[in-house]
Amino acid sequence: MTKKPVTLTFTQQQQQDLLTAIASGAERVSYSDKSVEYRSLSELREILAGIDADLSGVRARRTFRMVSPWDKGL
C-alpha cells in the first residue's frame, strides 16, 4: 500500500501573520490557540515563500543532487 503525499493548504491569514512576524523581527507566531516558534528569521522567510507559492498555485521545484562516495577505480 502506497501512501498519498501530504498536501498542505495555507490561508491568506497565515500568510499575513508571517509577514507581520517578519516585519516585527519576531520568531514566534500565535494564532487561535496555537503558537509556533521558528529557529530564525531566514526560516520564516523560507516558509513564507512556500506559502506564497501555494497560494499562487505555483509549485516550487526542488532539486536534489546525489554524490556517490565511491569510484570505479579507473
PDB file of N, CA and C in Angstrom:
ATOM      1  N   MET A   1       0.847  -1.176   0.000  1.00  0.00           N
ATOM      2  CA  MET A   1       0.000   0.000   0.000  1.00  0.00           C
ATOM      3  C   MET A   1       0.892   1.238   0.000  1.00  0.00           C
ATOM      4  N   THR A   2       0.677   2.131  -0.952  1.00  0.00           N
ATOM      5  CA  THR A   2       1.464   3.361  -1.016  1.00  0.00           C
ATOM      6  C   THR A   2       0.716   4.488  -0.337  1.00  0.00           C
ATOM      7  N   LYS A   3       1.482   5.327   0.291  1.00  0.00           N
ATOM      8  CA  LYS A   3       0.893   6.476   0.969  1.00  0.00           C
ATOM      9  C   LYS A   3       0.706   7.618  -0.016  1.00  0.00           C
ATOM     10  N   LYS A   4      -0.365   8.357   0.166  1.00  0.00           N
ATOM     11  CA  LYS A   4      -0.590   9.548  -0.640  1.00  0.00           C
ATOM     12  C   LYS A   4       0.271  10.676  -0.093  1.00  0.00           C
ATOM     13  N   PRO A   5       0.823  11.517  -0.970  1.00  0.00           N
ATOM     14  CA  PRO A   5       1.612  12.644  -0.465  1.00  0.00           C
ATOM     15  C   PRO A   5       0.726  13.612   0.317  1.00  0.00           C
ATOM     16  N   VAL A   6       1.295  14.166   1.346  1.00  0.00           N
ATOM     17  CA  VAL A   6       0.568  15.119   2.183  1.00  0.00           C
ATOM     18  C   VAL A   6       0.542  16.474   1.481  1.00  0.00           C
ATOM     19  N   THR A   7      -0.627  17.047   1.358  1.00  0.00           N
ATOM     20  CA  THR A   7      -0.768  18.357   0.755  1.00  0.00           C
ATOM     21  C   THR A   7      -1.147  19.353   1.838  1.00  0.00           C
ATOM     22  N   LEU A   8      -0.330  20.367   1.981  1.00  0.00           N
ATOM     23  CA  LEU A   8      -0.608  21.407   2.957  1.00  0.00           C
ATOM     24  C   LEU A   8      -1.329  22.548   2.260  1.00  0.00           C
ATOM     25  N   THR A   9      -2.321  23.058   2.919  1.00  0.00           N
ATOM     26  CA  THR A   9      -3.010  24.226   2.377  1.00  0.00           C
ATOM     27  C   THR A   9      -2.890  25.350   3.390  1.00  0.00           C
ATOM     28  N   PHE A  10      -2.670  26.519   2.887  1.00  0.00           N
ATOM     29  CA  PHE A  10      -2.468  27.682   3.734  1.00  0.00           C
ATOM     30  C   PHE A  10      -3.550  28.713   3.458  1.00  0.00           C
ATOM     31  N   THR A  11      -3.725  29.599   4.410  1.00  0.00           N
ATOM     32  CA  THR A  11      -4.703  30.672   4.243  1.00  0.00           C
ATOM     33  C   THR A  11      -3.971  32.004   4.097  1.00  0.00           C
ATOM     34  N   GLN A  12      -4.676  32.974   3.583  1.00  0.00           N
ATOM     35  CA  GLN A  12      -4.093  34.308   3.470  1.00  0.00           C
ATOM     36  C   GLN A  12      -3.849  34.905   4.853  1.00  0.00           C
ATOM     37  N   GLN A  13      -4.628  34.491   5.841  1.00  0.00           N
ATOM     38  CA  GLN A  13      -4.402  34.986   7.203  1.00  0.00           C
ATOM     39  C   GLN A  13      -3.067  34.468   7.740  1.00  0.00           C
ATOM     40  N   GLN A  14      -2.743  33.212   7.474  1.00  0.00           N
ATOM     41  CA  GLN A  14      -1.459  32.669   7.906  1.00  0.00           C
ATOM     42  C   GLN A  14      -0.313  33.398   7.200  1.00  0.00           C
ATOM     43  N   GLN A  15      -0.506  33.691   5.929  1.00  0.00           N
ATOM     44  CA  GLN A  15       0.486  34.445   5.176  1.00  0.00           C
ATOM     45  C   GLN A  15       0.689  35.830   5.803  1.00  0.00           C
ATOM     46  N   GLN A  16      -0.404  36.489   6.140  1.00  0.00           N
ATOM     47  CA  GLN A  16      -0.326  37.819   6.748  1.00  0.00           C
ATOM     48  C   GLN A  16       0.331  37.758   8.121  1.00  0.00           C
ATOM     49  N   ASP A  17       0.033  36.730   8.905  1.00  0.00           N
ATOM     50  CA  ASP A  17       0.641  36.583  10.231  1.00  0.00           C
ATOM     51  C   ASP A  17       2.155  36.432  10.120  1.00  0.00           C
ATOM     52  N   LEU A  18       2.610  35.662   9.140  1.00  0.00           N
ATOM     53  CA  LEU A  18       4.054  35.516   8.952  1.00  0.00           C
ATOM     54  C   LEU A  18       4.693  36.815   8.482  1.00  0.00           C
ATOM     55  N   LEU A  19       4.019  37.527   7.586  1.00  0.00           N
ATOM     56  CA  LEU A  19       4.539  38.826   7.145  1.00  0.00           C
ATOM     57  C   LEU A  19       4.672  39.795   8.321  1.00  0.00           C
ATOM     58  N   THR A  20       3.672  39.790   9.198  1.00  0.00           N
ATOM     59  CA  THR A  20       3.710  40.653  10.381  1.00  0.00           C
ATOM     60  C   THR A  20       4.858  40.270  11.300  1.00  0.00           C
ATOM     61  N   ALA A  21       5.056  38.963  11.495  1.00  0.00           N
ATOM     62  CA  ALA A  21       6.149  38.495  12.351  1.00  0.00           C
ATOM     63  C   ALA A  21       7.500  38.879  11.771  1.00  0.00           C
ATOM     64  N   ILE A  22       7.662  38.725  10.462  1.00  0.00           N
ATOM     65  CA  ILE A  22       8.927  39.083   9.809  1.00  0.00           C
ATOM     66  C   ILE A  22       9.182  40.584   9.931  1.00  0.00           C
ATOM     67  N   ALA A  23       8.145  41.382   9.712  1.00  0.00           N
ATOM     68  CA  ALA A  23       8.294  42.842   9.795  1.00  0.00           C
ATOM     69  C   ALA A  23       8.666  43.295  11.197  1.00  0.00           C
ATOM     70  N   SER A  24       8.175  42.589  12.206  1.00  0.00           N
ATOM     71  CA  SER A  24       8.470  42.989  13.585  1.00  0.00           C
ATOM     72  C   SER A  24       9.732  42.333  14.123  1.00  0.00           C
ATOM     73  N   GLY A  25      10.294  41.370  13.370  1.00  0.00           N
ATOM     74  CA  GLY A  25      11.501  40.687  13.832  1.00  0.00           C
ATOM     75  C   GLY A  25      11.215  39.564  14.812  1.00  0.00           C
ATOM     76  N   ALA A  26       9.957  39.223  14.996  1.00  0.00           N
ATOM     77  CA  ALA A  26       9.586  38.157  15.931  1.00  0.00           C
ATOM     78  C   ALA A  26       9.875  36.796  15.325  1.00  0.00           C
ATOM     79  N   GLU A  27      10.182  35.830  16.180  1.00  0.00           N
ATOM     80  CA  GLU A  27      10.402  34.469  15.724  1.00  0.00           C
ATOM     81  C   GLU A  27       9.329  33.536  16.277  1.00  0.00           C
ATOM     82  N   ARG A  28       8.286  34.107  16.836  1.00  0.00           N
ATOM     83  CA  ARG A  28       7.170  33.327  17.369  1.00  0.00           C
ATOM     84  C   ARG A  28       5.877  33.882  16.794  1.00  0.00           C
ATOM     85  N   VAL A  29       5.038  32.968  16.290  1.00  0.00           N
ATOM     86  CA  VAL A  29       3.760  33.355  15.700  1.00  0.00           C
ATOM     87  C   VAL A  29       2.661  32.616  16.439  1.00  0.00           C
ATOM     88  N   SER A  30       1.632  33.345  16.857  1.00  0.00           N
ATOM     89  CA  SER A  30       0.500  32.742  17.546  1.00  0.00           C
ATOM     90  C   SER A  30      -0.765  32.964  16.738  1.00  0.00           C
ATOM     91  N   TYR A  31      -1.578  31.940  16.671  1.00  0.00           N
ATOM     92  CA  TYR A  31      -2.871  32.051  16.014  1.00  0.00           C
ATOM     93  C   TYR A  31      -3.817  31.079  16.697  1.00  0.00           C
ATOM     94  N   SER A  32      -5.058  31.477  16.786  1.00  0.00           N
ATOM     95  CA  SER A  32      -6.068  30.690  17.517  1.00  0.00           C
ATOM     96  C   SER A  32      -5.517  30.337  18.878  1.00  0.00           C
ATOM     97  N   ASP A  33      -5.458  29.058  19.186  1.00  0.00           N
ATOM     98  CA  ASP A  33      -4.939  28.618  20.484  1.00  0.00           C
ATOM     99  C   ASP A  33      -3.565  27.974  20.336  1.00  0.00           C
ATOM    100  N   LYS A  34      -2.890  28.210  19.198  1.00  0.00           N
ATOM    101  CA  LYS A  34      -1.597  27.585  18.923  1.00  0.00           C
ATOM    102  C   LYS A  34      -0.509  28.637  18.801  1.00  0.00           C
ATOM    103  N   SER A  35       0.715  28.189  19.042  1.00  0.00           N
ATOM    104  CA  SER A  35       1.861  29.070  18.931  1.00  0.00           C
ATOM    105  C   SER A  35       3.009  28.289  18.299  1.00  0.00           C
ATOM    106  N   VAL A  36       3.724  28.926  17.374  1.00  0.00           N
ATOM    107  CA  VAL A  36       4.843  28.291  16.695  1.00  0.00           C
ATOM    108  C   VAL A  36       6.063  29.171  16.862  1.00  0.00           C
ATOM    109  N   GLU A  37       7.177  28.570  17.270  1.00  0.00           N
ATOM    110  CA  GLU A  37       8.428  29.310  17.401  1.00  0.00           C
ATOM    111  C   GLU A  37       9.393  28.817  16.337  1.00  0.00           C
ATOM    112  N   TYR A  38       9.921  29.742  15.545  1.00  0.00           N
ATOM    113  CA  TYR A  38      10.821  29.405  14.457  1.00  0.00           C
ATOM    114  C   TYR A  38      12.260  29.590  14.900  1.00  0.00           C
ATOM    115  N   ARG A  39      13.173  28.895  14.239  1.00  0.00           N
ATOM    116  CA  ARG A  39      14.580  28.948  14.631  1.00  0.00           C
ATOM    117  C   ARG A  39      15.253  30.248  14.247  1.00  0.00           C
ATOM    118  N   SER A  40      14.817  30.811  13.120  1.00  0.00           N
ATOM    119  CA  SER A  40      15.481  32.028  12.645  1.00  0.00           C
ATOM    120  C   SER A  40      14.552  32.805  11.720  1.00  0.00           C
ATOM    121  N   LEU A  41      14.944  34.011  11.449  1.00  0.00           N
ATOM    122  CA  LEU A  41      14.193  34.849  10.527  1.00  0.00           C
ATOM    123  C   LEU A  41      14.271  34.280   9.112  1.00  0.00           C
ATOM    124  N   SER A  42      15.405  33.685   8.758  1.00  0.00           N
ATOM    125  CA  SER A  42      15.524  33.084   7.425  1.00  0.00           C
ATOM    126  C   SER A  42      14.584  31.891   7.270  1.00  0.00           C
ATOM    127  N   GLU A  43      14.343  31.146   8.346  1.00  0.00           N
ATOM    128  CA  GLU A  43      13.378  30.044   8.289  1.00  0.00           C
ATOM    129  C   GLU A  43      11.965  30.590   8.054  1.00  0.00           C
ATOM    130  N   LEU A  44      11.640  31.694   8.695  1.00  0.00           N
ATOM    131  CA  LEU A  44      10.346  32.328   8.466  1.00  0.00           C
ATOM    132  C   LEU A  44      10.190  32.741   7.007  1.00  0.00           C
ATOM    133  N   ARG A  45      11.227  33.315   6.436  1.00  0.00           N
ATOM    134  CA  ARG A  45      11.173  33.748   5.040  1.00  0.00           C
ATOM    135  C   ARG A  45      11.022  32.556   4.094  1.00  0.00           C
ATOM    136  N   GLU A  46      11.701  31.468   4.403  1.00  0.00           N
ATOM    137  CA  GLU A  46      11.598  30.266   3.581  1.00  0.00           C
ATOM    138  C   GLU A  46      10.172  29.700   3.612  1.00  0.00           C
ATOM    139  N   ILE A  47       9.583  29.676   4.784  1.00  0.00           N
ATOM    140  CA  ILE A  47       8.209  29.181   4.923  1.00  0.00           C
ATOM    141  C   ILE A  47       7.241  30.124   4.217  1.00  0.00           C
ATOM    142  N   LEU A  48       7.473  31.414   4.345  1.00  0.00           N
ATOM    143  CA  LEU A  48       6.614  32.387   3.667  1.00  0.00           C
ATOM    144  C   LEU A  48       6.678  32.195   2.152  1.00  0.00           C
ATOM    145  N   ALA A  49       7.854  31.917   1.617  1.00  0.00           N
ATOM    146  CA  ALA A  49       7.985  31.674   0.173  1.00  0.00           C
ATOM    147  C   ALA A  49       7.163  30.456  -0.240  1.00  0.00           C
ATOM    148  N   GLY A  50       7.146  29.433   0.604  1.00  0.00           N
ATOM    149  CA  GLY A  50       6.335  28.253   0.317  1.00  0.00           C
ATOM    150  C   GLY A  50       4.852  28.560   0.355  1.00  0.00           C
ATOM    151  N   ILE A  51       4.445  29.372   1.321  1.00  0.00           N
ATOM    152  CA  ILE A  51       3.031  29.767   1.421  1.00  0.00           C
ATOM    153  C   ILE A  51       2.651  30.619   0.218  1.00  0.00           C
ATOM    154  N   ASP A  52       3.520  31.549  -0.171  1.00  0.00           N
ATOM    155  CA  ASP A  52       3.255  32.387  -1.348  1.00  0.00           C
ATOM    156  C   ASP A  52       3.057  31.512  -2.587  1.00  0.00           C
ATOM    157  N   ALA A  53       3.941  30.519  -2.757  1.00  0.00           N
ATOM    158  CA  ALA A  53       3.834  29.625  -3.910  1.00  0.00           C
ATOM    159  C   ALA A  53       2.550  28.810  -3.849  1.00  0.00           C
ATOM    160  N   ASP A  54       2.192  28.343  -2.667  1.00  0.00           N
ATOM    161  CA  ASP A  54       0.971  27.552  -2.511  1.00  0.00           C
ATOM    162  C   ASP A  54      -0.267  28.381  -2.840  1.00  0.00           C
ATOM    163  N   LEU A  55      -0.312  29.600  -2.339  1.00  0.00           N
ATOM    164  CA  LEU A  55      -1.477  30.448  -2.581  1.00  0.00           C
ATOM    165  C   LEU A  55      -1.568  30.921  -4.026  1.00  0.00           C
ATOM    166  N   SER A  56      -0.421  31.046  -4.702  1.00  0.00           N
ATOM    167  CA  SER A  56      -0.449  31.488  -6.094  1.00  0.00           C
ATOM    168  C   SER A  56      -0.645  30.325  -7.056  1.00  0.00           C
ATOM    169  N   GLY A  57      -0.573  29.109  -6.532  1.00  0.00           N
ATOM    170  CA  GLY A  57      -0.759  27.933  -7.380  1.00  0.00           C
ATOM    171  C   GLY A  57       0.508  27.464  -8.060  1.00  0.00           C
ATOM    172  N   VAL A  58       1.629  28.108  -7.762  1.00  0.00           N
ATOM    173  CA  VAL A  58       2.906  27.719  -8.349  1.00  0.00           C
ATOM    174  C   VAL A  58       3.611  26.792  -7.380  1.00  0.00           C
ATOM    175  N   ARG A  59       4.030  25.681  -7.861  1.00  0.00           N
ATOM    176  CA  ARG A  59       4.756  24.724  -7.024  1.00  0.00           C
ATOM    177  C   ARG A  59       6.250  24.960  -7.149  1.00  0.00           C
ATOM    178  N   ALA A  60       6.919  25.034  -6.021  1.00  0.00           N
ATOM    179  CA  ALA A  60       8.370  25.194  -6.030  1.00  0.00           C
ATOM    180  C   ALA A  60       8.997  23.864  -6.439  1.00  0.00           C
ATOM    181  N   ARG A  61       9.995  23.932  -7.286  1.00  0.00           N
ATOM    182  CA  ARG A  61      10.673  22.726  -7.729  1.00  0.00           C
ATOM    183  C   ARG A  61      11.926  22.545  -6.904  1.00  0.00           C
ATOM    184  N   ARG A  62      12.048  21.382  -6.319  1.00  0.00           N
ATOM    185  CA  ARG A  62      13.222  21.097  -5.505  1.00  0.00           C
ATOM    186  C   ARG A  62      14.183  20.242  -6.309  1.00  0.00           C
ATOM    187  N   THR A  63      15.440  20.566  -6.235  1.00  0.00           N
ATOM    188  CA  THR A  63      16.462  19.828  -6.944  1.00  0.00           C
ATOM    189  C   THR A  63      17.331  19.095  -5.933  1.00  0.00           C
ATOM    190  N   PHE A  64      17.549  17.831  -6.195  1.00  0.00           N
ATOM    191  CA  PHE A  64      18.397  17.031  -5.328  1.00  0.00           C
ATOM    192  C   PHE A  64      19.615  16.573  -6.123  1.00  0.00           C
ATOM    193  N   ARG A  65      20.731  16.548  -5.464  1.00  0.00           N
ATOM    194  CA  ARG A  65      21.957  16.112  -6.111  1.00  0.00           C
ATOM    195  C   ARG A  65      22.553  15.014  -5.261  1.00  0.00           C
ATOM    196  N   MET A  66      22.799  13.880  -5.884  1.00  0.00           N
ATOM    197  CA  MET A  66      23.396  12.759  -5.165  1.00  0.00           C
ATOM    198  C   MET A  66      24.825  12.602  -5.626  1.00  0.00           C
ATOM    199  N   VAL A  67      25.733  12.442  -4.686  1.00  0.00           N
ATOM    200  CA  VAL A  67      27.143  12.245  -4.997  1.00  0.00           C
ATOM    201  C   VAL A  67      27.553  10.930  -4.357  1.00  0.00           C
ATOM    202  N   SER A  68      28.107  10.041  -5.158  1.00  0.00           N
ATOM    203  CA  SER A  68      28.489   8.730  -4.610  1.00  0.00           C
ATOM    204  C   SER A  68      29.841   8.838  -3.912  1.00  0.00           C
ATOM    205  N   PRO A  69      29.982   8.148  -2.798  1.00  0.00           N
ATOM    206  CA  PRO A  69      31.235   8.209  -2.050  1.00  0.00           C
ATOM    207  C   PRO A  69      32.284   7.218  -2.568  1.00  0.00           C
ATOM    208  N   TRP A  70      32.059   6.609  -3.728  1.00  0.00           N
ATOM    209  CA  TRP A  70      32.989   5.651  -4.272  1.00  0.00           C
ATOM    210  C   TRP A  70      33.242   5.945  -5.752  1.00  0.00           C
ATOM    211  N   ASP A  71      34.257   5.309  -6.299  1.00  0.00           N
ATOM    212  CA  ASP A  71      34.517   5.444  -7.717  1.00  0.00           C
ATOM    213  C   ASP A  71      34.803   4.074  -8.314  1.00  0.00           C
ATOM    214  N   LYS A  72      35.019   3.993  -9.601  1.00  0.00           N
ATOM    215  CA  LYS A  72      35.249   2.702 -10.269  1.00  0.00           C
ATOM    216  C   LYS A  72      36.710   2.277 -10.202  1.00  0.00           C
ATOM    217  N   GLY A  73      37.556   3.118  -9.661  1.00  0.00           N
ATOM    218  CA  GLY A  73      38.969   2.776  -9.517  1.00  0.00           C
ATOM    219  C   GLY A  73      39.720   2.758 -10.835  1.00  0.00           C
ATOM    220  N   LEU A  74      39.277   3.538 -11.784  1.00  0.00           N
ATOM    221  CA  LEU A  74      39.962   3.551 -13.090  1.00  0.00           C
ATOM    222  C   LEU A  74      41.116   4.491 -13.103  1.00  0.00           C
TER     223      LEU A  74
END
